[in-house]
Amino acid sequence: MRWICSQIGSREHYAIPRILHNQDKLDYLLTDFWGQNYPYLRRMPLQSMKKMGERWHPDLASASVIHLGVNRLLFEVLSKVQRSKDWEIILKRNYWYQDKILARAKNSLIRKKPGIFFSYSYSALNLLTWLRNRGWRIVIGQMDPGKFEEDIVAKEESTFPDFNSFQKRAPSNYWASWKQEMDLAELIMVNSDWSKEALLEQGLPEAKIKVVPLAYGDRVEKQMPDSSPARFSKERPLKVLFLGQINLRKGVHYLLNAMEFLKDLPVIVDFVGPIFVDIPQRYTPLSVTFHGPVSRASAEKFYANADIFILPTLSDGFAITQLEALGKGLPLIVSRNCAQLVKHGYNGYLLDTVNQESISKALTYCIENPKEIELWAQNSKVPDTCSMASVGQHLSEIDTFLSAEKPRTAGSL
C-alpha cells in the first residue's frame, strides 16, 4: 500500500519517510516546515533559525512534501510575543499543525486511494480520525514511554528540588488526546523494549505494539577519535560528551554529582544541548562546560573532540544520540533505560543503575584504562538492526500485515 507520513520537526532525520520514498511507497510527507525551500536560514547566526533551516533531507528532495512554510516561523514568533507557557505552546502547536496541514493537504488526500497513514504520537488525533473515516490504516510511532516516563521524572524532582525543572507535567487533556490516538491506532511502533514495557504498564494491548529500532542512515564517514594517551592527565584529561536535553530525565544531576566526587581526577565533561533545569552554583568550579543548543553541523565538532559519549538516562524511548556517537566511532557509557546498543566491555560501559556511584565507577574505570577505550572505539559502529535496510524490512512487514488484515472499526479497538 501507499503511505502518508506526518511529523513535526526532523525527528529521526526523516528516516521513516526517507525509507518509504526509497521503496517508492511514499505519497506525501506532511510536516510543519521544510528547509529545502529556505536555504538562507542555514547561514543565519541565530541558532533557532539555523536549526529550522536544517529541517529537510536531500534524500527527500524529489518527494512530495506538504508543509506550512513561513506560517510555521510566524507561529513561533507570535508564541514568544504572547509569552505563552511551555505546555500552552506545545498543545497549541500540536492542534494548530493538524488543523493547518489538513486544510492544506485535504484536496490532495481526497484524490488518493486509501493506504497507510503514519504519524508520530501527540500530534495525530485530528489527522488520523479524518483519514481513518476514509478507509486509511493507522500506524502511530510512539516517541517515548508516555506517562510512565513522566512519573519517573516527577519522583526525581521531589528528591532533587535544588535542580528546579523548567519542564512541568503535562496537563490531563494532553494524555487524554494521547489515549485516543492509541485506541484508534491499528498498530503502535515503539523504538525499544523499554518503551514497550512502559506502554504495557499503562494498559495498552501487546498485540498492537511492534518494536522497530530507530534507523540511522546519515552519509557520514566514521571519524575515529585520536589515539588515547598512555595515561590521562591534567594536561590530557578524559574528554566526555553529553549531548541532548539537559534535564533530570537524562540523569544530568547524577552526572554532576559524580563529577563533584571525581573533581581531583583528569576528566572533563562537555554538556551540549538546551538547559531545562537550574544548575546549582556548587557545580561551577567543576571541570564541566555548558555550551547550550547547537546546530547539527556544530554538533559534529563535539563528537569529533570527545573520547567517550555518556547518556545516564532514567528513561528514553531510544536516544538517537547513541547512534550518532557510534556512527562517529565513539564508545558509550549508557544506562539500561533505553534501547540496548552497548555490549558491556566491547563497545562501551553499561550502567546497571543510574546514580552518582555507578557513574563515578564508570568514569574512574575509563580514566584508569585508556587503551580499553581505544578498543571500544574500534568496535563502535551502528548496528545492522538500525540500518535503513533493516528498518525498511520492518515497514514492509507492517505493510503486509495491514494489507492482509481487515480494517477494524473504532468499536472493536
Protein backbone atom coordinates (compact mmCIF):
# COMPACT_ATOMS: atom_id res chain seq x y z
CA MET A 1 0.00 0.00 0.00
CA ARG A 2 0.97 3.65 -0.39
CA TRP A 3 1.93 5.63 2.71
CA ILE A 4 1.49 9.16 4.03
CA CYS A 5 3.84 10.29 6.80
CA SER A 6 3.23 13.18 9.17
CA GLN A 7 5.71 14.70 11.59
CA ILE A 8 6.50 17.96 13.31
CA GLY A 9 10.23 18.68 13.10
CA SER A 10 13.03 16.48 11.79
CA ARG A 11 12.65 13.53 14.15
CA GLU A 12 14.95 10.62 13.24
CA HIS A 13 16.32 12.82 10.44
CA TYR A 14 13.14 11.90 8.48
CA ALA A 15 14.20 8.23 8.41
CA ILE A 16 10.70 6.74 8.00
CA PRO A 17 9.66 8.88 5.01
CA ARG A 18 13.16 8.50 3.52
CA ILE A 19 12.90 4.72 3.63
CA LEU A 20 9.39 4.73 2.17
CA HIS A 21 10.39 7.17 -0.57
CA ASN A 22 13.31 4.91 -1.48
CA GLN A 23 10.86 1.99 -1.67
CA ASP A 24 8.60 4.10 -3.92
CA LYS A 25 5.77 3.82 -1.37
CA LEU A 26 5.58 7.42 -0.12
CA ASP A 27 2.68 9.52 -1.40
CA TYR A 28 3.24 12.56 0.80
CA LEU A 29 5.32 13.80 3.69
CA LEU A 30 3.26 16.19 5.78
CA THR A 31 5.38 18.39 8.03
CA ASP A 32 5.44 21.79 9.67
CA PHE A 33 8.48 23.29 7.90
CA TRP A 34 10.68 22.22 5.01
CA GLY A 35 14.07 23.94 4.97
CA GLN A 36 14.90 22.91 1.40
CA ASN A 37 12.91 25.94 0.27
CA TYR A 38 14.72 28.32 2.64
CA PRO A 39 18.50 27.67 2.32
CA TYR A 40 19.38 31.16 3.59
CA LEU A 41 18.20 30.16 7.08
CA ARG A 42 21.11 27.72 7.37
CA ARG A 43 23.51 30.64 7.03
CA MET A 44 21.92 32.76 9.75
CA PRO A 45 23.85 33.30 13.02
CA LEU A 46 20.72 32.80 15.14
CA GLN A 47 20.74 29.12 16.20
CA SER A 48 16.94 28.78 16.25
CA MET A 49 16.70 29.94 12.62
CA LYS A 50 19.67 27.83 11.56
CA LYS A 51 18.05 24.73 13.07
CA MET A 52 14.79 25.48 11.24
CA GLY A 53 16.76 25.73 8.00
CA GLU A 54 18.17 22.26 8.67
CA ARG A 55 14.67 20.75 8.69
CA TRP A 56 14.90 18.85 5.42
CA HIS A 57 16.90 16.00 3.92
CA PRO A 58 18.42 15.59 0.44
CA ASP A 59 17.07 12.03 0.25
CA LEU A 60 13.60 13.61 0.05
CA ALA A 61 14.49 16.31 -2.47
CA SER A 62 12.24 14.67 -5.08
CA ALA A 63 9.47 13.64 -2.67
CA SER A 64 6.03 15.27 -2.48
CA VAL A 65 6.22 17.39 0.67
CA ILE A 66 3.32 19.45 2.00
CA HIS A 67 4.35 21.93 4.70
CA LEU A 68 3.29 25.19 6.28
CA GLY A 69 6.23 27.38 5.24
CA VAL A 70 6.73 30.79 6.83
CA ASN A 71 3.47 30.39 8.78
CA ARG A 72 5.40 27.97 10.99
CA LEU A 73 8.03 30.62 11.73
CA LEU A 74 5.33 33.20 12.42
CA PHE A 75 3.66 30.80 14.86
CA GLU A 76 6.86 30.59 16.95
CA VAL A 77 7.40 34.35 16.86
CA LEU A 78 3.80 35.00 17.93
CA SER A 79 4.07 32.47 20.76
CA LYS A 80 7.13 34.27 22.11
CA VAL A 81 5.48 37.68 21.78
CA GLN A 82 2.43 36.39 23.66
CA ARG A 83 4.74 34.81 26.27
CA SER A 84 2.84 31.56 26.11
CA LYS A 85 3.84 28.95 28.69
CA ASP A 86 5.60 25.75 27.59
CA TRP A 87 2.65 23.34 27.68
CA GLU A 88 0.37 26.00 26.29
CA ILE A 89 2.73 26.32 23.31
CA ILE A 90 3.07 22.55 22.85
CA LEU A 91 -0.68 21.91 22.89
CA LYS A 92 -1.42 24.92 20.71
CA ARG A 93 1.29 23.88 18.22
CA ASN A 94 0.07 20.29 18.01
CA TYR A 95 -3.51 21.27 17.24
CA TRP A 96 -2.53 24.24 15.06
CA TYR A 97 -0.32 21.97 12.96
CA GLN A 98 -3.01 19.33 12.47
CA ASP A 99 -5.69 21.85 11.50
CA LYS A 100 -3.44 23.79 9.12
CA ILE A 101 -1.79 20.80 7.44
CA LEU A 102 -5.13 19.05 6.96
CA ALA A 103 -6.61 22.17 5.39
CA ARG A 104 -3.62 22.46 3.07
CA ALA A 105 -3.44 18.76 2.15
CA LYS A 106 -7.13 17.80 2.11
CA ASN A 107 -7.74 18.26 -1.63
CA SER A 108 -4.69 16.14 -2.46
CA LEU A 109 -5.58 13.42 0.05
CA ILE A 110 -9.21 13.09 -1.07
CA ARG A 111 -8.00 12.03 -4.52
CA LYS A 112 -5.77 9.27 -3.11
CA LYS A 113 -6.71 5.62 -2.74
CA PRO A 114 -6.65 4.76 0.99
CA GLY A 115 -3.36 3.33 2.18
CA ILE A 116 -1.34 3.59 5.41
CA PHE A 117 -1.11 6.76 7.46
CA PHE A 118 1.92 7.03 9.76
CA SER A 119 2.35 9.77 12.33
CA TYR A 120 4.33 10.27 15.49
CA SER A 121 2.31 10.48 18.68
CA TYR A 122 0.81 13.57 20.31
CA SER A 123 0.09 15.43 17.06
CA ALA A 124 -2.03 12.93 15.14
CA LEU A 125 -5.56 12.69 16.55
CA ASN A 126 -7.42 15.03 14.18
CA LEU A 127 -5.47 13.80 11.16
CA LEU A 128 -5.86 10.10 11.85
CA THR A 129 -9.58 10.49 12.65
CA TRP A 130 -10.23 12.21 9.31
CA LEU A 131 -8.15 9.68 7.35
CA ARG A 132 -9.45 6.63 9.19
CA ASN A 133 -13.02 7.63 8.37
CA ARG A 134 -11.93 7.46 4.73
CA GLY A 135 -10.50 3.97 4.95
CA TRP A 136 -6.85 4.63 5.76
CA ARG A 137 -4.96 2.20 8.03
CA ILE A 138 -3.35 3.91 11.04
CA VAL A 139 0.17 3.42 12.42
CA ILE A 140 1.43 5.59 15.29
CA GLY A 141 5.10 5.99 16.13
CA GLN A 142 5.17 6.33 19.92
CA MET A 143 8.06 8.70 20.59
CA ASP A 144 8.66 7.94 24.27
CA PRO A 145 7.44 5.75 27.15
CA GLY A 146 4.48 8.07 27.78
CA LYS A 147 3.17 8.97 31.23
CA PHE A 148 5.28 6.15 32.72
CA GLU A 149 8.32 8.30 31.96
CA GLU A 150 6.72 11.44 33.35
CA ASP A 151 6.12 9.66 36.67
CA ILE A 152 9.82 8.73 36.86
CA VAL A 153 10.84 12.35 36.37
CA ALA A 154 8.31 13.59 38.95
CA LYS A 155 9.95 11.35 41.56
CA GLU A 156 13.37 12.81 40.73
CA GLU A 157 12.01 16.35 41.02
CA SER A 158 10.78 15.69 44.54
CA THR A 159 14.11 14.10 45.51
CA PHE A 160 16.32 16.82 43.97
CA PRO A 161 14.42 20.12 44.46
CA ASP A 162 17.60 22.21 44.00
CA PHE A 163 17.58 21.18 40.32
CA ASN A 164 14.44 23.20 39.70
CA SER A 165 12.96 21.83 36.49
CA PHE A 166 11.55 24.18 33.85
CA GLN A 167 9.65 21.24 32.31
CA LYS A 168 6.35 20.80 34.11
CA ARG A 169 3.98 17.84 33.98
CA ALA A 170 1.65 17.64 31.02
CA PRO A 171 -1.97 18.68 31.55
CA SER A 172 -4.64 15.98 31.67
CA ASN A 173 -6.04 16.82 28.22
CA TYR A 174 -2.63 16.05 26.70
CA TRP A 175 -2.80 12.48 27.98
CA ALA A 176 -6.49 12.17 27.13
CA SER A 177 -5.72 13.05 23.49
CA TRP A 178 -2.79 10.62 23.50
CA LYS A 179 -5.02 7.81 24.80
CA GLN A 180 -7.45 8.42 21.94
CA GLU A 181 -4.59 8.15 19.46
CA MET A 182 -3.51 4.86 21.00
CA ASP A 183 -7.06 3.49 20.92
CA LEU A 184 -7.61 4.45 17.27
CA ALA A 185 -4.24 3.20 16.03
CA GLU A 186 -4.21 -0.26 14.49
CA LEU A 187 -0.51 -0.62 15.20
CA ILE A 188 1.84 1.24 17.56
CA MET A 189 5.54 1.38 16.73
CA VAL A 190 7.95 1.79 19.64
CA ASN A 191 11.72 2.00 19.35
CA SER A 192 12.84 -0.19 22.25
CA ASP A 193 11.79 -2.92 24.64
CA TRP A 194 12.00 -0.29 27.38
CA SER A 195 9.19 1.69 25.70
CA LYS A 196 7.17 -1.45 25.04
CA GLU A 197 7.26 -2.43 28.72
CA ALA A 198 6.24 1.12 29.66
CA LEU A 199 3.21 1.00 27.35
CA LEU A 200 2.19 -2.38 28.72
CA GLU A 201 2.37 -0.88 32.23
CA GLN A 202 -0.10 1.76 31.01
CA GLY A 203 -2.58 -0.86 29.85
CA LEU A 204 -2.01 -0.90 26.09
CA PRO A 205 -2.55 -4.29 24.43
CA GLU A 206 0.65 -6.11 23.49
CA ALA A 207 -0.88 -7.29 20.20
CA LYS A 208 -0.88 -3.71 18.89
CA ILE A 209 2.74 -2.94 19.79
CA LYS A 210 5.69 -3.58 17.47
CA VAL A 211 9.31 -2.78 18.35
CA VAL A 212 11.09 -1.05 15.47
CA PRO A 213 14.53 0.43 16.24
CA LEU A 214 15.48 3.88 15.07
CA ALA A 215 17.13 3.97 11.66
CA TYR A 216 20.46 5.67 11.08
CA GLY A 217 21.43 6.33 7.51
CA ASP A 218 23.43 9.56 7.51
CA ARG A 219 26.14 9.60 4.88
CA VAL A 220 28.96 10.39 7.28
CA GLU A 221 32.26 8.56 7.32
CA LYS A 222 33.28 7.11 10.65
CA GLN A 223 35.52 9.57 12.48
CA MET A 224 37.91 7.58 14.64
CA PRO A 225 38.86 9.59 17.72
CA ASP A 226 42.52 10.41 18.32
CA SER A 227 44.51 7.60 19.90
CA SER A 228 44.11 7.52 23.64
CA PRO A 229 47.18 8.58 25.62
CA ALA A 230 49.16 6.08 27.66
CA ARG A 231 47.55 7.70 30.68
CA PHE A 232 45.09 10.53 31.18
CA SER A 233 46.45 13.58 32.96
CA LYS A 234 45.61 17.16 33.83
CA GLU A 235 47.16 18.18 30.50
CA ARG A 236 45.28 15.46 28.58
CA PRO A 237 42.11 14.57 30.51
CA LEU A 238 39.43 12.08 29.57
CA LYS A 239 37.04 14.06 27.36
CA VAL A 240 33.40 13.10 27.94
CA LEU A 241 30.50 14.33 25.81
CA PHE A 242 26.89 14.67 26.94
CA LEU A 243 24.65 15.78 24.07
CA GLY A 244 20.90 16.17 24.46
CA GLN A 245 18.37 17.86 26.68
CA ILE A 246 19.95 18.86 29.97
CA ASN A 247 17.31 17.80 32.46
CA LEU A 248 16.56 15.34 35.23
CA ARG A 249 15.21 12.68 32.86
CA LYS A 250 18.63 12.41 31.23
CA GLY A 251 20.34 11.93 34.60
CA VAL A 252 22.31 15.17 34.45
CA HIS A 253 22.07 15.64 38.23
CA TYR A 254 23.71 12.28 38.87
CA LEU A 255 26.45 13.04 36.35
CA LEU A 256 27.21 16.38 38.03
CA ASN A 257 27.29 14.72 41.45
CA ALA A 258 29.73 12.16 40.06
CA MET A 259 31.93 14.92 38.66
CA GLU A 260 31.95 16.57 42.07
CA PHE A 261 33.18 13.30 43.56
CA LEU A 262 35.86 12.99 40.81
CA LYS A 263 36.94 16.64 40.91
CA ASP A 264 40.60 15.74 41.53
CA LEU A 265 40.79 13.27 38.63
CA PRO A 266 41.65 14.11 34.97
CA VAL A 267 38.19 14.16 33.40
CA ILE A 268 36.12 16.90 31.75
CA VAL A 269 32.53 16.91 30.50
CA ASP A 270 31.08 19.00 27.68
CA PHE A 271 27.32 19.44 28.05
CA VAL A 272 25.74 20.28 24.68
CA GLY A 273 22.02 20.98 24.46
CA PRO A 274 19.22 23.14 25.84
CA ILE A 275 19.16 23.51 29.63
CA PHE A 276 15.84 22.73 31.33
CA VAL A 277 16.91 22.80 34.98
CA ASP A 278 18.60 25.22 37.36
CA ILE A 279 22.26 24.24 37.76
CA PRO A 280 23.20 24.80 41.43
CA GLN A 281 26.16 27.11 41.99
CA ARG A 282 28.19 24.46 43.78
CA TYR A 283 28.95 22.80 40.44
CA THR A 284 30.52 25.94 38.92
CA PRO A 285 34.14 25.06 39.91
CA LEU A 286 33.94 21.61 38.31
CA SER A 287 35.55 20.66 35.00
CA VAL A 288 32.26 20.91 33.12
CA THR A 289 31.21 23.30 30.37
CA PHE A 290 27.66 24.06 29.25
CA HIS A 291 27.58 25.01 25.58
CA GLY A 292 23.82 25.33 25.07
CA PRO A 293 21.95 24.08 21.98
CA VAL A 294 23.89 23.86 18.72
CA SER A 295 23.13 23.09 15.09
CA ARG A 296 23.74 19.62 13.68
CA ALA A 297 26.84 20.90 11.88
CA SER A 298 28.28 22.25 15.13
CA ALA A 299 27.47 19.03 16.98
CA GLU A 300 29.83 17.16 14.63
CA LYS A 301 32.78 19.02 16.15
CA PHE A 302 31.85 17.95 19.67
CA TYR A 303 31.57 14.31 18.63
CA ALA A 304 34.98 14.53 16.93
CA ASN A 305 36.64 16.04 20.02
CA ALA A 306 35.35 13.52 22.58
CA ASP A 307 36.86 10.29 23.89
CA ILE A 308 33.55 8.83 25.03
CA PHE A 309 29.83 9.65 24.96
CA ILE A 310 27.70 9.44 28.11
CA LEU A 311 23.94 9.01 28.49
CA PRO A 312 22.91 8.21 32.09
CA THR A 313 19.23 8.49 31.16
CA LEU A 314 16.45 7.49 33.54
CA SER A 315 14.11 6.89 30.60
CA ASP A 316 14.36 7.24 26.82
CA GLY A 317 12.39 5.71 24.01
CA PHE A 318 15.68 5.14 22.20
CA ALA A 319 18.01 8.21 22.19
CA ILE A 320 19.25 8.69 18.64
CA THR A 321 22.38 10.37 20.01
CA GLN A 322 23.61 6.84 20.78
CA LEU A 323 23.56 6.03 17.07
CA GLU A 324 25.17 9.34 16.16
CA ALA A 325 28.00 8.67 18.62
CA LEU A 326 28.51 5.09 17.43
CA GLY A 327 28.48 6.34 13.85
CA LYS A 328 31.40 8.60 14.72
CA GLY A 329 33.34 5.76 16.33
CA LEU A 330 32.67 6.90 19.90
CA PRO A 331 32.21 4.31 22.65
CA LEU A 332 29.29 4.84 25.04
CA ILE A 333 28.54 4.94 28.74
CA VAL A 334 24.76 4.42 28.93
CA SER A 335 22.03 3.17 31.21
CA ARG A 336 19.71 0.23 30.57
CA ASN A 337 16.68 2.56 30.46
CA CYS A 338 16.60 2.96 26.68
CA ALA A 339 17.49 0.99 23.55
CA GLN A 340 20.25 -1.53 24.27
CA LEU A 341 23.11 -0.74 21.87
CA VAL A 342 26.03 -1.28 24.24
CA LYS A 343 27.68 -4.61 24.86
CA HIS A 344 29.45 -4.06 28.15
CA GLY A 345 33.22 -4.18 27.76
CA TYR A 346 33.00 -4.41 23.96
CA ASN A 347 31.86 -1.02 22.68
CA GLY A 348 31.26 0.76 25.96
CA TYR A 349 30.16 0.60 29.56
CA LEU A 350 26.63 -0.32 30.63
CA LEU A 351 25.28 1.24 33.84
CA ASP A 352 23.22 -1.26 35.82
CA THR A 353 21.69 1.57 37.84
CA VAL A 354 21.74 5.34 37.45
CA ASN A 355 23.22 7.15 40.42
CA GLN A 356 26.34 9.04 41.44
CA GLU A 357 28.16 5.89 42.50
CA SER A 358 27.63 3.95 39.26
CA ILE A 359 28.65 6.90 37.08
CA SER A 360 31.72 7.63 39.23
CA LYS A 361 32.73 3.99 38.94
CA ALA A 362 32.32 4.02 35.15
CA LEU A 363 34.32 7.23 34.65
CA THR A 364 37.05 6.08 37.03
CA TYR A 365 37.36 2.84 35.08
CA CYS A 366 37.73 4.80 31.84
CA ILE A 367 40.36 7.10 33.35
CA GLU A 368 42.38 4.11 34.54
CA ASN A 369 42.05 2.15 31.28
CA PRO A 370 42.70 4.49 28.32
CA LYS A 371 43.74 1.68 25.96
CA GLU A 372 40.49 -0.15 26.59
CA ILE A 373 38.57 2.94 25.49
CA GLU A 374 40.58 2.79 22.27
CA LEU A 375 39.49 -0.83 21.75
CA TRP A 376 35.87 0.10 22.47
CA ALA A 377 36.13 2.83 19.85
CA GLN A 378 37.32 0.31 17.26
CA ASN A 379 34.19 -1.77 17.99
CA SER A 380 31.83 1.20 17.91
CA LYS A 381 29.60 1.23 14.87
CA VAL A 382 25.91 1.50 14.07
CA PRO A 383 24.40 -2.00 14.46
CA ASP A 384 22.84 -3.66 11.43
CA THR A 385 19.47 -3.71 13.21
CA CYS A 386 19.44 0.10 12.95
CA SER A 387 20.30 0.27 9.27
CA MET A 388 17.86 1.84 6.84
CA ALA A 389 17.50 -1.56 5.12
CA SER A 390 16.64 -3.35 8.38
CA VAL A 391 14.04 -0.78 9.42
CA GLY A 392 12.73 -0.81 5.85
CA GLN A 393 12.09 -4.55 6.27
CA HIS A 394 10.05 -3.81 9.40
CA LEU A 395 7.95 -1.31 7.44
CA SER A 396 7.41 -3.87 4.69
CA GLU A 397 6.20 -6.36 7.31
CA ILE A 398 3.76 -3.76 8.65
CA ASP A 399 2.57 -3.13 5.09
CA THR A 400 2.00 -6.84 4.53
CA PHE A 401 0.21 -7.27 7.86
CA LEU A 402 -2.16 -4.33 7.34
CA SER A 403 -2.83 -5.34 3.74
CA ALA A 404 -3.94 -8.78 4.92
CA GLU A 405 -5.91 -7.63 7.96
CA LYS A 406 -9.41 -6.30 7.62
CA PRO A 407 -9.75 -2.74 8.93
CA ARG A 408 -11.03 -2.64 12.49
CA THR A 409 -13.92 -0.45 13.45
CA ALA A 410 -13.49 2.08 16.23
CA GLY A 411 -15.69 -0.05 18.47
CA SER A 412 -13.51 -3.14 18.04
CA LEU A 413 -10.43 -1.37 19.31
